[in-house]
Amino acid sequence: MRLKDPASVFGRRLREARERSGLPQDRLGVAIGLDEGTASARISRYETGIHAPPFETAVRLAEVLKVPPAFLYCPEDELARVILWWHRLSRTDRKRAKTMIDAAIPAPQK
C-alpha cells in the first residue's frame, strides 16, 4: 500500500518528524491525548492535509516529537533544517551561532 503524499506543509513536516521519531500514528495520537480508537485516523488526516489541527494540538505534537512548532509550519526545506538545528543547540552554542550569523550578515540600511 502506497502512502498518500501530504497535501500540506504541516502534514509533510508532521510525517517527517513522526517517522524520524519511530512512532506509529496511533501511538503519537494517544501520546497527545487522542482516544485510542481514533488516534491513528486523526494523525493520518493531519499528515495528508485533510484536516489541520488546532495550534494547541500542533504544539503538543511538536513536544512529543521533540521538534519546535515552527518546524511543522515552515514551507522552506532549508529553513526547516535550520530550525531543527537551532532547536538542538545548547544555549552556549546558540550564542556562538548568533554571533557568527550577526557578523556574516550586514545590518539593514535605515
Protein backbone atom coordinates (compact mmCIF):
# COMPACT_ATOMS: atom_id res chain seq x y z
CA MET A 1 0.00 0.00 0.00
CA ARG A 2 1.43 3.38 -1.04
CA LEU A 3 1.01 6.26 1.38
CA LYS A 4 -0.66 9.42 0.13
CA ASP A 5 1.68 12.37 -0.22
CA PRO A 6 0.88 15.09 2.30
CA ALA A 7 -1.11 17.91 0.76
CA SER A 8 0.11 20.49 3.26
CA VAL A 9 3.41 21.73 4.63
CA PHE A 10 2.22 20.85 8.11
CA GLY A 11 1.31 17.31 7.05
CA ARG A 12 4.64 16.73 5.33
CA ARG A 13 6.63 18.03 8.31
CA LEU A 14 4.49 16.08 10.76
CA ARG A 15 5.04 12.83 8.88
CA GLU A 16 8.77 13.52 8.61
CA ALA A 17 9.09 14.20 12.35
CA ARG A 18 6.91 11.22 13.27
CA GLU A 19 8.84 8.81 11.06
CA ARG A 20 12.15 10.14 12.40
CA SER A 21 10.90 9.53 15.95
CA GLY A 22 9.84 5.97 15.11
CA LEU A 23 6.33 6.47 16.49
CA PRO A 24 3.40 4.92 14.64
CA GLN A 25 0.39 7.17 14.07
CA ASP A 26 -1.74 5.54 16.76
CA ARG A 27 0.91 5.89 19.49
CA LEU A 28 1.55 9.52 18.57
CA GLY A 29 -2.16 10.27 18.74
CA VAL A 30 -2.53 8.62 22.13
CA ALA A 31 0.58 10.47 23.38
CA ILE A 32 -1.09 13.82 22.67
CA GLY A 33 -4.32 12.76 24.35
CA LEU A 34 -6.45 11.44 21.50
CA ASP A 35 -8.77 8.49 22.02
CA GLU A 36 -7.14 5.15 21.12
CA GLY A 37 -9.93 4.30 18.70
CA THR A 38 -9.49 7.43 16.59
CA ALA A 39 -5.84 8.37 17.17
CA SER A 40 -4.38 6.77 14.04
CA ALA A 41 -7.08 8.13 11.73
CA ARG A 42 -6.77 11.65 13.16
CA ILE A 43 -2.97 11.73 12.76
CA SER A 44 -3.35 10.33 9.24
CA ARG A 45 -5.77 13.16 8.40
CA TYR A 46 -3.31 15.72 9.74
CA GLU A 47 -0.48 14.18 7.71
CA THR A 48 -2.44 14.06 4.46
CA GLY A 49 -3.79 17.57 4.92
CA ILE A 50 -7.43 16.53 5.10
CA HIS A 51 -7.67 18.29 8.46
CA ALA A 52 -5.47 20.87 10.15
CA PRO A 53 -5.04 20.58 13.90
CA PRO A 54 -5.72 23.49 16.24
CA PHE A 55 -2.48 25.26 17.18
CA GLU A 56 -2.59 23.84 20.73
CA THR A 57 -2.66 20.32 19.25
CA ALA A 58 0.25 21.18 16.94
CA VAL A 59 2.23 22.33 19.99
CA ARG A 60 1.51 19.03 21.76
CA LEU A 61 2.56 17.10 18.64
CA ALA A 62 5.79 19.10 18.47
CA GLU A 63 6.53 18.43 22.16
CA VAL A 64 6.03 14.67 21.79
CA LEU A 65 8.11 14.62 18.58
CA LYS A 66 10.80 16.85 20.14
CA VAL A 67 10.68 19.47 17.39
CA PRO A 68 9.79 23.15 17.67
CA PRO A 69 6.29 24.03 16.42
CA ALA A 70 7.86 26.38 13.85
CA PHE A 71 9.38 23.35 12.12
CA LEU A 72 5.91 21.92 11.47
CA TYR A 73 4.79 25.08 9.67
CA CYS A 74 7.97 26.01 7.78
CA PRO A 75 7.43 25.94 3.99
CA GLU A 76 11.14 26.01 3.04
CA ASP A 77 13.13 22.79 3.44
CA GLU A 78 16.45 24.50 4.14
CA LEU A 79 14.97 26.83 6.72
CA ALA A 80 13.16 23.89 8.34
CA ARG A 81 16.56 22.19 8.77
CA VAL A 82 17.98 25.35 10.34
CA ILE A 83 15.04 25.47 12.75
CA LEU A 84 15.76 21.87 13.80
CA TRP A 85 19.47 22.52 14.19
CA TRP A 86 18.82 25.65 16.24
CA HIS A 87 16.41 23.73 18.47
CA ARG A 88 19.08 21.11 19.18
CA LEU A 89 21.85 23.59 20.08
CA SER A 90 22.74 24.34 23.66
CA ARG A 91 22.29 27.90 24.91
CA THR A 92 26.05 28.46 24.65
CA ASP A 93 26.19 27.16 21.08
CA ARG A 94 23.19 29.32 20.15
CA LYS A 95 25.05 32.40 21.39
CA ARG A 96 28.08 31.44 19.32
CA ALA A 97 26.00 30.77 16.23
CA LYS A 98 24.13 34.06 16.64
CA THR A 99 27.43 35.96 16.91
CA MET A 100 28.71 34.31 13.72
CA ILE A 101 25.46 34.99 11.84
CA ASP A 102 25.36 38.61 13.03
CA ALA A 103 28.94 39.07 11.78
CA ALA A 104 28.16 37.47 8.41
CA ILE A 105 25.02 39.46 7.63
CA PRO A 106 25.23 43.22 7.19
CA ALA A 107 22.85 45.36 9.22
CA PRO A 108 19.86 46.69 7.27
CA GLN A 109 20.19 50.23 5.94
CA LYS A 110 17.96 52.83 7.55
